[in-house]
Protein backbone atom coordinates (compact mmCIF):
# COMPACT_ATOMS: atom_id res chain seq x y z
CA MET A 1 0.00 0.00 0.00
CA ALA A 2 1.39 3.39 -1.02
CA ASN A 3 2.19 6.06 1.54
CA LYS A 4 -0.36 8.86 1.01
CA VAL A 5 1.65 11.56 2.81
CA GLY A 6 5.21 11.03 1.66
CA LEU A 7 6.79 14.33 2.66
CA THR A 8 6.37 16.11 5.98
CA ASP A 9 8.36 18.91 7.58
CA ALA A 10 9.56 16.51 10.29
CA LYS A 11 10.64 13.89 7.75
CA ILE A 12 12.55 16.48 5.73
CA ALA A 13 14.27 17.88 8.82
CA GLY A 14 15.38 14.41 9.87
CA LEU A 15 16.87 13.37 6.53
CA LYS A 16 20.50 12.30 6.50
CA ALA A 17 22.57 12.91 3.38
CA PRO A 18 23.53 9.79 1.46
CA ALA A 19 27.21 8.84 1.46
CA ALA A 20 27.27 9.10 -2.34
CA GLY A 21 24.83 9.90 -5.12
CA GLN A 22 21.39 11.23 -4.31
CA ILE A 23 18.02 10.18 -2.94
CA GLU A 24 14.53 11.27 -3.94
CA LEU A 25 11.38 11.17 -1.85
CA ALA A 26 7.95 11.54 -3.44
CA ASP A 27 5.16 13.62 -1.93
CA GLY A 28 1.83 11.87 -1.52
CA ILE A 29 -0.17 15.11 -1.59
CA VAL A 30 0.93 16.74 -4.86
CA PRO A 31 1.51 14.30 -7.75
CA GLY A 32 5.00 14.60 -9.20
CA LEU A 33 6.47 16.68 -6.36
CA ARG A 34 9.72 15.20 -5.10
CA LEU A 35 12.50 16.18 -2.74
CA ARG A 36 15.99 15.41 -4.02
CA MET A 37 18.97 15.32 -1.68
CA GLY A 38 22.57 14.77 -2.63
CA ALA A 39 25.67 13.79 -0.69
CA SER A 40 26.28 17.49 0.05
CA GLY A 41 23.06 17.56 2.10
CA ILE A 42 21.39 20.16 -0.12
CA LYS A 43 17.65 19.52 -0.45
CA THR A 44 15.93 20.59 -3.67
CA TYR A 45 12.29 20.32 -4.69
CA ILE A 46 11.56 19.11 -8.20
CA LEU A 47 8.42 18.41 -10.19
CA ARG A 48 8.43 15.30 -12.38
CA LYS A 49 5.67 15.11 -14.97
CA ARG A 50 5.15 13.14 -18.16
CA VAL A 51 4.45 15.58 -21.02
CA GLN A 52 3.80 14.30 -24.55
CA GLY A 53 5.29 10.93 -23.67
CA LYS A 54 8.54 12.29 -22.18
CA TRP A 55 9.49 12.82 -18.55
CA LEU A 56 9.98 16.45 -17.61
CA ASN A 57 11.96 17.33 -14.47
CA VAL A 58 11.58 20.92 -13.31
CA THR A 59 13.55 22.34 -10.40
CA ILE A 60 11.15 24.25 -8.16
CA GLY A 61 13.52 25.53 -5.47
CA ARG A 62 15.98 24.75 -2.74
CA HIS A 63 14.54 23.77 0.63
CA GLY A 64 15.25 26.23 3.42
CA PRO A 65 13.67 28.75 5.79
CA SER A 66 12.45 30.93 2.91
CA PHE A 67 11.23 28.04 0.72
CA THR A 68 9.43 25.31 2.64
CA LEU A 69 7.40 22.24 1.76
CA ALA A 70 4.25 24.40 1.72
CA HIS A 71 5.85 26.78 -0.82
CA ALA A 72 6.97 23.84 -2.97
CA ARG A 73 3.48 22.30 -2.95
CA LYS A 74 1.90 25.58 -4.01
CA LYS A 75 4.41 26.12 -6.81
CA ALA A 76 4.06 22.50 -7.99
CA ARG A 77 0.26 22.84 -8.10
CA ASP A 78 0.58 26.06 -10.12
CA LEU A 79 2.96 24.37 -12.56
CA LEU A 80 0.65 21.36 -12.93
CA VAL A 81 -2.22 23.71 -13.81
CA ASP A 82 -0.01 25.34 -16.45
CA VAL A 83 0.81 21.93 -17.94
CA GLU A 84 -2.86 20.94 -18.01
CA GLN A 85 -3.61 24.20 -19.86
CA GLY A 86 -0.97 23.34 -22.45
CA LYS A 87 1.58 25.94 -21.36
CA SER A 88 5.27 25.13 -21.65
CA ILE A 89 7.05 25.06 -18.31
CA ALA A 90 10.35 23.56 -19.45
CA ARG A 91 12.21 26.57 -20.78
CA ARG A 92 11.12 29.57 -18.77
CA SER A 93 13.83 31.84 -17.51
CA CYS A 94 13.84 34.41 -14.77
CA PRO A 95 13.71 37.97 -16.15
CA SER A 96 16.21 39.10 -13.57
CA MET A 97 18.80 37.54 -11.32
CA TRP A 98 16.23 37.17 -8.53
CA CYS A 99 13.70 34.41 -8.58
CA LYS A 100 10.25 35.51 -9.74
CA PHE A 101 8.54 32.93 -7.55
CA GLY A 102 8.92 34.88 -4.34
CA CYS A 103 11.36 32.70 -2.47
CA GLY A 104 14.06 35.39 -2.50
CA GLN A 105 16.82 33.13 -3.78
CA ARG A 106 19.12 33.91 -6.69
CA ALA A 107 18.01 32.23 -9.87
CA ALA A 108 20.46 30.42 -12.11
CA PHE A 109 20.99 31.66 -15.63
CA SER A 110 20.63 28.17 -17.06
CA GLY A 111 17.21 28.91 -18.54
CA GLY A 112 15.60 26.70 -15.93
CA LEU A 113 12.50 27.36 -13.95
CA GLY A 114 12.76 28.76 -10.47
CA CYS A 115 15.77 28.63 -8.22
CA ASN A 116 18.35 26.30 -9.69
CA LEU A 117 21.07 27.03 -7.16
């Protein structure tokens, strides 16, 4: 039986970084929302969605005090609505060096969506 909750603030706070590689934990509330954590201990939210037969991975933001699980769920829901409306979410870029999603983090200039730190 699948876990319907998946991610919680307590579970995220208690995560230990893997010795090598990365781990991903799925959220049971918002389909496609995942938390990725590498050996460095950095926790990043991503959205994984199948679009036109291909898997799309979109970085939503880095977990921290200014970007929590609640923020990630809201942003993931907004992105899922955009996908359902046929909008492209894969190649958006921030118009400035600061993230337009309100988390206050610097956005990467990689053409990605959100805070790809």
